[in-house]
């Protein structure tokens, strides 16, 4: 079904996908994992982060966090 977009559109990155209209199912084709400290992945026009100490625990006992082998 076609859709009419009347609002302004702001695209800040090209990591995901934009879908206008109807879809039956959306499956991820790839997955990733990122570790960042306090405020390390903040996005936006006016972002302010004040952190004195930041510790990130990178320990992950899982072998596979997200499987998407059947989605390709």
C-alpha atoms as a PDB file:
ATOM      1  CA  UNK A   1       0.000   0.000   0.000  1.00  0.00           C
ATOM      2  CA  UNK A   2       1.490   3.397  -0.861  1.00  0.00           C
ATOM      3  CA  UNK A   3       2.043   5.939   1.867  1.00  0.00           C
ATOM      4  CA  UNK A   4       2.197   9.733   1.919  1.00  0.00           C
ATOM      5  CA  UNK A   5       4.832  11.321   4.160  1.00  0.00           C
ATOM      6  CA  UNK A   6       3.940  14.895   5.128  1.00  0.00           C
ATOM      7  CA  UNK A   7       6.500  15.428   7.895  1.00  0.00           C
ATOM      8  CA  UNK A   8      10.165  16.315   7.409  1.00  0.00           C
ATOM      9  CA  UNK A   9      12.506  13.303   7.390  1.00  0.00           C
ATOM     10  CA  UNK A  10      15.924  13.373   9.075  1.00  0.00           C
ATOM     11  CA  UNK A  11      18.317  10.493   8.369  1.00  0.00           C
ATOM     12  CA  UNK A  12      21.261  10.380  10.787  1.00  0.00           C
ATOM     13  CA  UNK A  13      22.894   7.142   9.650  1.00  0.00           C
ATOM     14  CA  UNK A  14      22.778   4.366   7.122  1.00  0.00           C
ATOM     15  CA  UNK A  15      22.924   1.355   9.437  1.00  0.00           C
ATOM     16  CA  UNK A  16      19.257   0.387   9.381  1.00  0.00           C
ATOM     17  CA  UNK A  17      16.468   0.439   6.881  1.00  0.00           C
ATOM     18  CA  UNK A  18      13.571   2.784   6.282  1.00  0.00           C
ATOM     19  CA  UNK A  19      10.272   1.264   5.202  1.00  0.00           C
ATOM     20  CA  UNK A  20       7.350   3.309   3.931  1.00  0.00           C
ATOM     21  CA  UNK A  21       4.134   1.355   3.463  1.00  0.00           C
ATOM     22  CA  UNK A  22       3.056  -2.107   4.529  1.00  0.00           C
ATOM     23  CA  UNK A  23       5.371  -5.044   5.135  1.00  0.00           C
ATOM     24  CA  UNK A  24       4.672  -8.594   6.226  1.00  0.00           C
ATOM     25  CA  UNK A  25       7.921  -9.331   8.035  1.00  0.00           C
ATOM     26  CA  UNK A  26      11.270  -7.580   8.497  1.00  0.00           C
ATOM     27  CA  UNK A  27      14.288  -9.787   9.294  1.00  0.00           C
ATOM     28  CA  UNK A  28      17.796  -8.583  10.144  1.00  0.00           C
ATOM     29  CA  UNK A  29      20.456  -9.706   7.664  1.00  0.00           C
ATOM     30  CA  UNK A  30      23.364  -9.065  10.026  1.00  0.00           C
ATOM     31  CA  UNK A  31      23.899  -8.525  13.735  1.00  0.00           C
ATOM     32  CA  UNK A  32      26.686  -7.008  15.778  1.00  0.00           C
ATOM     33  CA  UNK A  33      27.570  -6.228  19.360  1.00  0.00           C
ATOM     34  CA  UNK A  34      29.307  -3.130  20.669  1.00  0.00           C
ATOM     35  CA  UNK A  35      30.615  -2.269  24.126  1.00  0.00           C
ATOM     36  CA  UNK A  36      30.915   1.384  25.080  1.00  0.00           C
ATOM     37  CA  UNK A  37      31.237   3.328  28.281  1.00  0.00           C
ATOM     38  CA  UNK A  38      28.993   5.963  29.785  1.00  0.00           C
ATOM     39  CA  UNK A  39      27.635   8.141  26.996  1.00  0.00           C
ATOM     40  CA  UNK A  40      29.743   6.417  24.353  1.00  0.00           C
ATOM     41  CA  UNK A  41      26.860   5.829  21.964  1.00  0.00           C
ATOM     42  CA  UNK A  42      24.734   8.909  22.552  1.00  0.00           C
ATOM     43  CA  UNK A  43      23.318  10.403  19.377  1.00  0.00           C
ATOM     44  CA  UNK A  44      21.319  13.512  18.701  1.00  0.00           C
ATOM     45  CA  UNK A  45      21.603  17.170  17.888  1.00  0.00           C
ATOM     46  CA  UNK A  46      22.286  18.429  21.415  1.00  0.00           C
ATOM     47  CA  UNK A  47      23.930  15.703  23.467  1.00  0.00           C
ATOM     48  CA  UNK A  48      25.740  16.377  26.733  1.00  0.00           C
ATOM     49  CA  UNK A  49      27.282  13.655  28.899  1.00  0.00           C
ATOM     50  CA  UNK A  50      28.930  14.252  32.251  1.00  0.00           C
ATOM     51  CA  UNK A  51      30.557  11.138  33.688  1.00  0.00           C
ATOM     52  CA  UNK A  52      33.403  11.051  36.169  1.00  0.00           C
ATOM     53  CA  UNK A  53      34.223   7.323  36.063  1.00  0.00           C
ATOM     54  CA  UNK A  54      33.137   4.845  33.395  1.00  0.00           C
ATOM     55  CA  UNK A  55      33.762   1.092  33.539  1.00  0.00           C
ATOM     56  CA  UNK A  56      32.512  -1.369  30.900  1.00  0.00           C
ATOM     57  CA  UNK A  57      32.230  -5.094  31.544  1.00  0.00           C
ATOM     58  CA  UNK A  58      33.149  -6.956  28.329  1.00  0.00           C
ATOM     59  CA  UNK A  59      32.769 -10.471  29.770  1.00  0.00           C
ATOM     60  CA  UNK A  60      30.265 -12.529  27.760  1.00  0.00           C
ATOM     61  CA  UNK A  61      29.989 -16.266  28.528  1.00  0.00           C
ATOM     62  CA  UNK A  62      27.584 -16.923  25.615  1.00  0.00           C
ATOM     63  CA  UNK A  63      29.009 -18.438  22.447  1.00  0.00           C
ATOM     64  CA  UNK A  64      26.335 -16.992  20.164  1.00  0.00           C
ATOM     65  CA  UNK A  65      24.245 -13.994  21.225  1.00  0.00           C
ATOM     66  CA  UNK A  66      22.033 -13.614  18.159  1.00  0.00           C
ATOM     67  CA  UNK A  67      21.730 -16.149  15.383  1.00  0.00           C
ATOM     68  CA  UNK A  68      20.442 -15.039  11.987  1.00  0.00           C
ATOM     69  CA  UNK A  69      21.757 -17.767   9.666  1.00  0.00           C
ATOM     70  CA  UNK A  70      18.264 -18.565   8.349  1.00  0.00           C
ATOM     71  CA  UNK A  71      17.478 -14.920   7.478  1.00  0.00           C
ATOM     72  CA  UNK A  72      19.684 -14.677   4.379  1.00  0.00           C
END
